[in-house]
Full PDB file with SEQRES, HELIX, SHEET, SSBOND, CRYST1, ORIGX, SCALE, CONECT and MASTER records, all heavy atoms in Angstrom:
SEQRES   1 A   31  VAL LEU ALA TYR ASN ASP LEU VAL ALA ILE GLY LEU ILE          
SEQRES   2 A   31  GLU ALA LEU GLU PRO LEU GLY VAL GLY VAL PRO GLY ASP          
SEQRES   3 A   31  VAL SER VAL ILE GLY                                          
HELIX    1 AA1 ASP A    6  LEU A   16  1                                  11    
HELIX    2 AA2 GLU A   17  LEU A   19  5                                   3    
CRYST1    1.000    1.000    1.000  90.00  90.00  90.00 P 1           1          
ORIGX1      1.000000  0.000000  0.000000        0.00000                         
ORIGX2      0.000000  1.000000  0.000000        0.00000                         
ORIGX3      0.000000  0.000000  1.000000        0.00000                         
SCALE1      1.000000  0.000000  0.000000        0.00000                         
SCALE2      0.000000  1.000000  0.000000        0.00000                         
SCALE3      0.000000  0.000000  1.000000        0.00000                         
ATOM      1  N   VAL A   1     -48.122 -21.271  41.255  1.00  0.00           N  
ATOM      2  CA  VAL A   1     -49.375 -20.513  41.276  1.00  0.00           C  
ATOM      3  C   VAL A   1     -50.483 -21.471  41.674  1.00  0.00           C  
ATOM      4  O   VAL A   1     -50.560 -22.591  41.123  1.00  0.00           O  
ATOM      5  CB  VAL A   1     -49.723 -19.952  39.934  1.00  0.00           C  
ATOM      6  CG1 VAL A   1     -51.011 -19.168  39.958  1.00  0.00           C  
ATOM      7  CG2 VAL A   1     -48.635 -19.056  39.441  1.00  0.00           C  
ATOM      8  N   LEU A   2     -51.416 -21.021  42.570  1.00  0.00           N  
ATOM      9  CA  LEU A   2     -52.655 -21.648  42.801  1.00  0.00           C  
ATOM     10  C   LEU A   2     -53.762 -20.764  42.258  1.00  0.00           C  
ATOM     11  O   LEU A   2     -53.869 -19.572  42.691  1.00  0.00           O  
ATOM     12  CB  LEU A   2     -52.906 -21.828  44.324  1.00  0.00           C  
ATOM     13  CG  LEU A   2     -54.228 -22.450  44.681  1.00  0.00           C  
ATOM     14  CD1 LEU A   2     -54.446 -23.819  44.029  1.00  0.00           C  
ATOM     15  CD2 LEU A   2     -54.408 -22.583  46.217  1.00  0.00           C  
ATOM     16  N   ALA A   3     -54.576 -21.208  41.307  1.00  0.00           N  
ATOM     17  CA  ALA A   3     -55.565 -20.442  40.661  1.00  0.00           C  
ATOM     18  C   ALA A   3     -56.923 -20.787  41.239  1.00  0.00           C  
ATOM     19  O   ALA A   3     -57.196 -21.802  41.736  1.00  0.00           O  
ATOM     20  CB  ALA A   3     -55.538 -20.676  39.160  1.00  0.00           C  
ATOM     21  N   TYR A   4     -57.805 -19.709  41.131  1.00  0.00           N  
ATOM     22  CA  TYR A   4     -59.127 -19.900  41.710  1.00  0.00           C  
ATOM     23  C   TYR A   4     -59.916 -21.061  41.123  1.00  0.00           C  
ATOM     24  O   TYR A   4     -60.695 -21.709  41.874  1.00  0.00           O  
ATOM     25  CB  TYR A   4     -59.887 -18.575  41.370  1.00  0.00           C  
ATOM     26  CG  TYR A   4     -61.408 -18.606  41.738  1.00  0.00           C  
ATOM     27  CD1 TYR A   4     -61.801 -18.538  43.120  1.00  0.00           C  
ATOM     28  CD2 TYR A   4     -62.281 -18.696  40.762  1.00  0.00           C  
ATOM     29  CE1 TYR A   4     -63.230 -18.590  43.436  1.00  0.00           C  
ATOM     30  CE2 TYR A   4     -63.669 -18.724  41.018  1.00  0.00           C  
ATOM     31  CZ  TYR A   4     -64.122 -18.671  42.387  1.00  0.00           C  
ATOM     32  OH  TYR A   4     -65.454 -18.725  42.660  1.00  0.00           O  
ATOM     33  N   ASN A   5     -59.751 -21.307  39.902  1.00  0.00           N  
ATOM     34  CA  ASN A   5     -60.453 -22.487  39.320  1.00  0.00           C  
ATOM     35  C   ASN A   5     -59.681 -22.972  38.027  1.00  0.00           C  
ATOM     36  O   ASN A   5     -58.659 -22.357  37.693  1.00  0.00           O  
ATOM     37  CB  ASN A   5     -61.879 -22.250  38.974  1.00  0.00           C  
ATOM     38  CG  ASN A   5     -62.121 -21.204  37.894  1.00  0.00           C  
ATOM     39  OD1 ASN A   5     -61.215 -20.867  37.105  1.00  0.00           O  
ATOM     40  ND2 ASN A   5     -63.306 -20.657  37.816  1.00  0.00           N  
ATOM     41  N   ASP A   6     -60.088 -24.011  37.428  1.00  0.00           N  
ATOM     42  CA  ASP A   6     -59.366 -24.536  36.294  1.00  0.00           C  
ATOM     43  C   ASP A   6     -59.397 -23.598  35.067  1.00  0.00           C  
ATOM     44  O   ASP A   6     -58.430 -23.576  34.381  1.00  0.00           O  
ATOM     45  CB  ASP A   6     -60.015 -25.944  35.940  1.00  0.00           C  
ATOM     46  CG  ASP A   6     -59.670 -27.082  36.847  1.00  0.00           C  
ATOM     47  OD1 ASP A   6     -58.912 -26.853  37.751  1.00  0.00           O  
ATOM     48  OD2 ASP A   6     -60.208 -28.184  36.689  1.00  0.00           O  
ATOM     49  N   LEU A   7     -60.466 -22.941  34.969  1.00  0.00           N  
ATOM     50  CA  LEU A   7     -60.527 -21.994  33.800  1.00  0.00           C  
ATOM     51  C   LEU A   7     -59.535 -20.874  33.920  1.00  0.00           C  
ATOM     52  O   LEU A   7     -58.848 -20.568  32.934  1.00  0.00           O  
ATOM     53  CB  LEU A   7     -61.941 -21.386  33.752  1.00  0.00           C  
ATOM     54  CG  LEU A   7     -63.075 -22.272  33.278  1.00  0.00           C  
ATOM     55  CD1 LEU A   7     -64.320 -21.466  33.246  1.00  0.00           C  
ATOM     56  CD2 LEU A   7     -62.882 -22.899  31.880  1.00  0.00           C  
ATOM     57  N   VAL A   8     -59.366 -20.345  35.177  1.00  0.00           N  
ATOM     58  CA  VAL A   8     -58.348 -19.352  35.432  1.00  0.00           C  
ATOM     59  C   VAL A   8     -56.936 -19.848  35.108  1.00  0.00           C  
ATOM     60  O   VAL A   8     -56.065 -19.271  34.539  1.00  0.00           O  
ATOM     61  CB  VAL A   8     -58.449 -18.749  36.792  1.00  0.00           C  
ATOM     62  CG1 VAL A   8     -57.309 -17.797  37.148  1.00  0.00           C  
ATOM     63  CG2 VAL A   8     -59.840 -17.951  36.924  1.00  0.00           C  
ATOM     64  N   ALA A   9     -56.716 -21.118  35.615  1.00  0.00           N  
ATOM     65  CA  ALA A   9     -55.498 -21.812  35.517  1.00  0.00           C  
ATOM     66  C   ALA A   9     -55.043 -21.935  34.037  1.00  0.00           C  
ATOM     67  O   ALA A   9     -53.942 -21.656  33.582  1.00  0.00           O  
ATOM     68  CB  ALA A   9     -55.420 -23.083  36.200  1.00  0.00           C  
ATOM     69  N   ILE A  10     -56.007 -22.378  33.191  1.00  0.00           N  
ATOM     70  CA  ILE A  10     -55.778 -22.606  31.841  1.00  0.00           C  
ATOM     71  C   ILE A  10     -55.566 -21.285  31.079  1.00  0.00           C  
ATOM     72  O   ILE A  10     -54.575 -21.244  30.242  1.00  0.00           O  
ATOM     73  CB  ILE A  10     -56.961 -23.377  31.186  1.00  0.00           C  
ATOM     74  CG1 ILE A  10     -57.000 -24.849  31.708  1.00  0.00           C  
ATOM     75  CG2 ILE A  10     -56.901 -23.371  29.663  1.00  0.00           C  
ATOM     76  CD1 ILE A  10     -58.284 -25.598  31.392  1.00  0.00           C  
ATOM     77  N   GLY A  11     -56.317 -20.264  31.411  1.00  0.00           N  
ATOM     78  CA  GLY A  11     -56.109 -18.947  30.780  1.00  0.00           C  
ATOM     79  C   GLY A  11     -54.633 -18.430  31.112  1.00  0.00           C  
ATOM     80  O   GLY A  11     -53.986 -17.894  30.285  1.00  0.00           O  
ATOM     81  N   LEU A  12     -54.243 -18.667  32.395  1.00  0.00           N  
ATOM     82  CA  LEU A  12     -52.961 -18.264  32.802  1.00  0.00           C  
ATOM     83  C   LEU A  12     -51.875 -18.926  32.039  1.00  0.00           C  
ATOM     84  O   LEU A  12     -50.919 -18.331  31.555  1.00  0.00           O  
ATOM     85  CB  LEU A  12     -52.827 -18.513  34.278  1.00  0.00           C  
ATOM     86  CG  LEU A  12     -51.518 -18.199  34.905  1.00  0.00           C  
ATOM     87  CD1 LEU A  12     -51.163 -16.737  34.928  1.00  0.00           C  
ATOM     88  CD2 LEU A  12     -51.396 -18.720  36.385  1.00  0.00           C  
ATOM     89  N   ILE A  13     -51.987 -20.251  31.910  1.00  0.00           N  
ATOM     90  CA  ILE A  13     -50.967 -21.014  31.197  1.00  0.00           C  
ATOM     91  C   ILE A  13     -50.891 -20.558  29.721  1.00  0.00           C  
ATOM     92  O   ILE A  13     -49.736 -20.403  29.211  1.00  0.00           O  
ATOM     93  CB  ILE A  13     -51.249 -22.575  31.246  1.00  0.00           C  
ATOM     94  CG1 ILE A  13     -51.168 -23.051  32.728  1.00  0.00           C  
ATOM     95  CG2 ILE A  13     -50.317 -23.346  30.396  1.00  0.00           C  
ATOM     96  CD1 ILE A  13     -51.698 -24.447  32.971  1.00  0.00           C  
ATOM     97  N   GLU A  14     -52.028 -20.363  29.127  1.00  0.00           N  
ATOM     98  CA  GLU A  14     -52.028 -19.899  27.740  1.00  0.00           C  
ATOM     99  C   GLU A  14     -51.323 -18.565  27.592  1.00  0.00           C  
ATOM    100  O   GLU A  14     -50.550 -18.359  26.641  1.00  0.00           O  
ATOM    101  CB  GLU A  14     -53.505 -19.770  27.231  1.00  0.00           C  
ATOM    102  CG  GLU A  14     -54.198 -21.046  27.093  1.00  0.00           C  
ATOM    103  CD  GLU A  14     -53.824 -21.784  25.863  1.00  0.00           C  
ATOM    104  OE1 GLU A  14     -53.129 -21.200  24.994  1.00  0.00           O  
ATOM    105  OE2 GLU A  14     -54.185 -22.976  25.729  1.00  0.00           O  
ATOM    106  N   ALA A  15     -51.537 -17.682  28.557  1.00  0.00           N  
ATOM    107  CA  ALA A  15     -50.943 -16.355  28.467  1.00  0.00           C  
ATOM    108  C   ALA A  15     -49.463 -16.284  28.819  1.00  0.00           C  
ATOM    109  O   ALA A  15     -48.739 -15.360  28.418  1.00  0.00           O  
ATOM    110  CB  ALA A  15     -51.768 -15.343  29.299  1.00  0.00           C  
ATOM    111  N   LEU A  16     -49.011 -17.247  29.658  1.00  0.00           N  
ATOM    112  CA  LEU A  16     -47.601 -17.300  30.093  1.00  0.00           C  
ATOM    113  C   LEU A  16     -46.676 -17.678  28.924  1.00  0.00           C  
ATOM    114  O   LEU A  16     -45.556 -17.229  28.810  1.00  0.00           O  
ATOM    115  CB  LEU A  16     -47.470 -18.282  31.257  1.00  0.00           C  
ATOM    116  CG  LEU A  16     -47.947 -17.791  32.582  1.00  0.00           C  
ATOM    117  CD1 LEU A  16     -47.810 -18.888  33.663  1.00  0.00           C  
ATOM    118  CD2 LEU A  16     -47.244 -16.512  33.093  1.00  0.00           C  
ATOM    119  N   GLU A  17     -47.177 -18.546  28.100  1.00  0.00           N  
ATOM    120  CA  GLU A  17     -46.292 -19.062  27.022  1.00  0.00           C  
ATOM    121  C   GLU A  17     -45.737 -17.955  26.083  1.00  0.00           C  
ATOM    122  O   GLU A  17     -44.548 -17.909  25.851  1.00  0.00           O  
ATOM    123  CB  GLU A  17     -47.102 -20.070  26.145  1.00  0.00           C  
ATOM    124  CG  GLU A  17     -46.254 -20.813  25.042  1.00  0.00           C  
ATOM    125  CD  GLU A  17     -46.949 -21.852  24.293  1.00  0.00           C  
ATOM    126  OE1 GLU A  17     -48.124 -22.079  24.566  1.00  0.00           O  
ATOM    127  OE2 GLU A  17     -46.388 -22.439  23.457  1.00  0.00           O  
ATOM    128  N   PRO A  18     -46.551 -17.047  25.601  1.00  0.00           N  
ATOM    129  CA  PRO A  18     -45.983 -15.949  24.770  1.00  0.00           C  
ATOM    130  C   PRO A  18     -45.052 -15.053  25.535  1.00  0.00           C  
ATOM    131  O   PRO A  18     -44.275 -14.337  24.908  1.00  0.00           O  
ATOM    132  CB  PRO A  18     -47.264 -15.124  24.358  1.00  0.00           C  
ATOM    133  CG  PRO A  18     -48.433 -16.070  24.501  1.00  0.00           C  
ATOM    134  CD  PRO A  18     -48.047 -16.971  25.712  1.00  0.00           C  
ATOM    135  N   LEU A  19     -45.147 -15.048  26.915  1.00  0.00           N  
ATOM    136  CA  LEU A  19     -44.266 -14.315  27.671  1.00  0.00           C  
ATOM    137  C   LEU A  19     -42.899 -15.068  27.953  1.00  0.00           C  
ATOM    138  O   LEU A  19     -42.081 -14.526  28.682  1.00  0.00           O  
ATOM    139  CB  LEU A  19     -44.930 -13.949  28.983  1.00  0.00           C  
ATOM    140  CG  LEU A  19     -46.202 -13.034  28.960  1.00  0.00           C  
ATOM    141  CD1 LEU A  19     -46.805 -12.845  30.288  1.00  0.00           C  
ATOM    142  CD2 LEU A  19     -45.842 -11.762  28.240  1.00  0.00           C  
ATOM    143  N   GLY A  20     -42.830 -16.232  27.361  1.00  0.00           N  
ATOM    144  CA  GLY A  20     -41.593 -16.991  27.530  1.00  0.00           C  
ATOM    145  C   GLY A  20     -41.530 -17.792  28.758  1.00  0.00           C  
ATOM    146  O   GLY A  20     -40.420 -18.211  29.226  1.00  0.00           O  
ATOM    147  N   VAL A  21     -42.621 -17.952  29.447  1.00  0.00           N  
ATOM    148  CA  VAL A  21     -42.717 -18.738  30.735  1.00  0.00           C  
ATOM    149  C   VAL A  21     -43.343 -20.115  30.473  1.00  0.00           C  
ATOM    150  O   VAL A  21     -44.553 -20.125  30.083  1.00  0.00           O  
ATOM    151  CB  VAL A  21     -43.461 -17.944  31.791  1.00  0.00           C  
ATOM    152  CG1 VAL A  21     -43.542 -18.694  33.107  1.00  0.00           C  
ATOM    153  CG2 VAL A  21     -42.777 -16.623  32.038  1.00  0.00           C  
ATOM    154  N   GLY A  22     -42.705 -21.185  30.657  1.00  0.00           N  
ATOM    155  CA  GLY A  22     -43.204 -22.478  30.420  1.00  0.00           C  
ATOM    156  C   GLY A  22     -43.788 -23.091  31.700  1.00  0.00           C  
ATOM    157  O   GLY A  22     -43.377 -22.799  32.775  1.00  0.00           O  
ATOM    158  N   VAL A  23     -44.849 -23.956  31.526  1.00  0.00           N  
ATOM    159  CA  VAL A  23     -45.425 -24.623  32.618  1.00  0.00           C  
ATOM    160  C   VAL A  23     -45.326 -26.173  32.349  1.00  0.00           C  
ATOM    161  O   VAL A  23     -45.746 -26.625  31.305  1.00  0.00           O  
ATOM    162  CB  VAL A  23     -46.952 -24.298  32.820  1.00  0.00           C  
ATOM    163  CG1 VAL A  23     -47.601 -25.110  33.832  1.00  0.00           C  
ATOM    164  CG2 VAL A  23     -47.103 -22.757  33.090  1.00  0.00           C  
ATOM    165  N   PRO A  24     -44.661 -26.942  33.268  1.00  0.00           N  
ATOM    166  CA  PRO A  24     -44.304 -26.515  34.590  1.00  0.00           C  
ATOM    167  C   PRO A  24     -42.793 -26.208  34.704  1.00  0.00           C  
ATOM    168  O   PRO A  24     -42.259 -26.034  35.832  1.00  0.00           O  
ATOM    169  CB  PRO A  24     -44.505 -27.758  35.435  1.00  0.00           C  
ATOM    170  CG  PRO A  24     -44.231 -28.908  34.457  1.00  0.00           C  
ATOM    171  CD  PRO A  24     -44.672 -28.448  33.113  1.00  0.00           C  
ATOM    172  N   GLY A  25     -42.095 -26.026  33.559  1.00  0.00           N  
ATOM    173  CA  GLY A  25     -40.641 -25.807  33.610  1.00  0.00           C  
ATOM    174  C   GLY A  25     -40.292 -24.560  34.427  1.00  0.00           C  
ATOM    175  O   GLY A  25     -39.316 -24.623  35.176  1.00  0.00           O  
ATOM    176  N   ASP A  26     -40.968 -23.464  34.116  1.00  0.00           N  
ATOM    177  CA  ASP A  26     -40.630 -22.225  34.731  1.00  0.00           C  
ATOM    178  C   ASP A  26     -41.551 -21.910  35.964  1.00  0.00           C  
ATOM    179  O   ASP A  26     -41.118 -21.417  37.001  1.00  0.00           O  
ATOM    180  CB  ASP A  26     -40.625 -21.104  33.796  1.00  0.00           C  
ATOM    181  CG  ASP A  26     -39.731 -21.154  32.633  1.00  0.00           C  
ATOM    182  OD1 ASP A  26     -38.472 -21.388  32.962  1.00  0.00           O  
ATOM    183  OD2 ASP A  26     -40.106 -21.218  31.464  1.00  0.00           O  
ATOM    184  N   VAL A  27     -42.795 -22.218  35.799  1.00  0.00           N  
ATOM    185  CA  VAL A  27     -43.787 -21.982  36.854  1.00  0.00           C  
ATOM    186  C   VAL A  27     -44.780 -23.183  36.964  1.00  0.00           C  
ATOM    187  O   VAL A  27     -45.250 -23.640  35.887  1.00  0.00           O  
ATOM    188  CB  VAL A  27     -44.600 -20.704  36.541  1.00  0.00           C  
ATOM    189  CG1 VAL A  27     -45.689 -20.503  37.597  1.00  0.00           C  
ATOM    190  CG2 VAL A  27     -43.709 -19.472  36.552  1.00  0.00           C  
ATOM    191  N   SER A  28     -45.000 -23.650  38.104  1.00  0.00           N  
ATOM    192  CA  SER A  28     -45.976 -24.672  38.332  1.00  0.00           C  
ATOM    193  C   SER A  28     -47.411 -24.096  38.571  1.00  0.00           C  
ATOM    194  O   SER A  28     -47.371 -23.005  39.242  1.00  0.00           O  
ATOM    195  CB  SER A  28     -45.550 -25.563  39.556  1.00  0.00           C  
ATOM    196  OG  SER A  28     -44.499 -26.376  39.305  1.00  0.00           O  
ATOM    197  N   VAL A  29     -48.404 -24.686  37.996  1.00  0.00           N  
ATOM    198  CA  VAL A  29     -49.772 -24.136  38.130  1.00  0.00           C  
ATOM    199  C   VAL A  29     -50.690 -25.197  38.617  1.00  0.00           C  
ATOM    200  O   VAL A  29     -50.786 -26.327  38.177  1.00  0.00           O  
ATOM    201  CB  VAL A  29     -50.210 -23.568  36.774  1.00  0.00           C  
ATOM    202  CG1 VAL A  29     -51.738 -23.081  36.931  1.00  0.00           C  
ATOM    203  CG2 VAL A  29     -49.338 -22.473  36.330  1.00  0.00           C  
ATOM    204  N   ILE A  30     -51.518 -24.792  39.652  1.00  0.00           N  
ATOM    205  CA  ILE A  30     -52.574 -25.725  40.199  1.00  0.00           C  
ATOM    206  C   ILE A  30     -53.916 -24.995  40.021  1.00  0.00           C  
ATOM    207  O   ILE A  30     -54.055 -23.835  40.334  1.00  0.00           O  
ATOM    208  CB  ILE A  30     -52.347 -26.075  41.621  1.00  0.00           C  
ATOM    209  CG1 ILE A  30     -51.015 -26.719  41.851  1.00  0.00           C  
ATOM    210  CG2 ILE A  30     -53.413 -26.872  42.163  1.00  0.00           C  
ATOM    211  CD1 ILE A  30     -50.595 -27.044  43.303  1.00  0.00           C  
ATOM    212  N   GLY A  31     -54.922 -25.722  39.576  1.00  0.00           N  
ATOM    213  CA  GLY A  31     -56.319 -25.223  39.529  1.00  0.00           C  
ATOM    214  C   GLY A  31     -57.232 -25.703  40.613  1.00  0.00           C  
ATOM    215  O   GLY A  31     -56.723 -26.356  41.572  1.00  0.00           O  
TER     216      GLY A  31                                                      
MASTER        0    0    0    2    0    0    0    6  215    1    0    3          
END                                                                             
């Protein structure tokens, strides 16, 4: 994932964890 900014990236990572998706193990994220 490429996010619009760091805040969006951080919010995304926080919300992926309860969905069982780890970063960067399952999904890589760039802000």
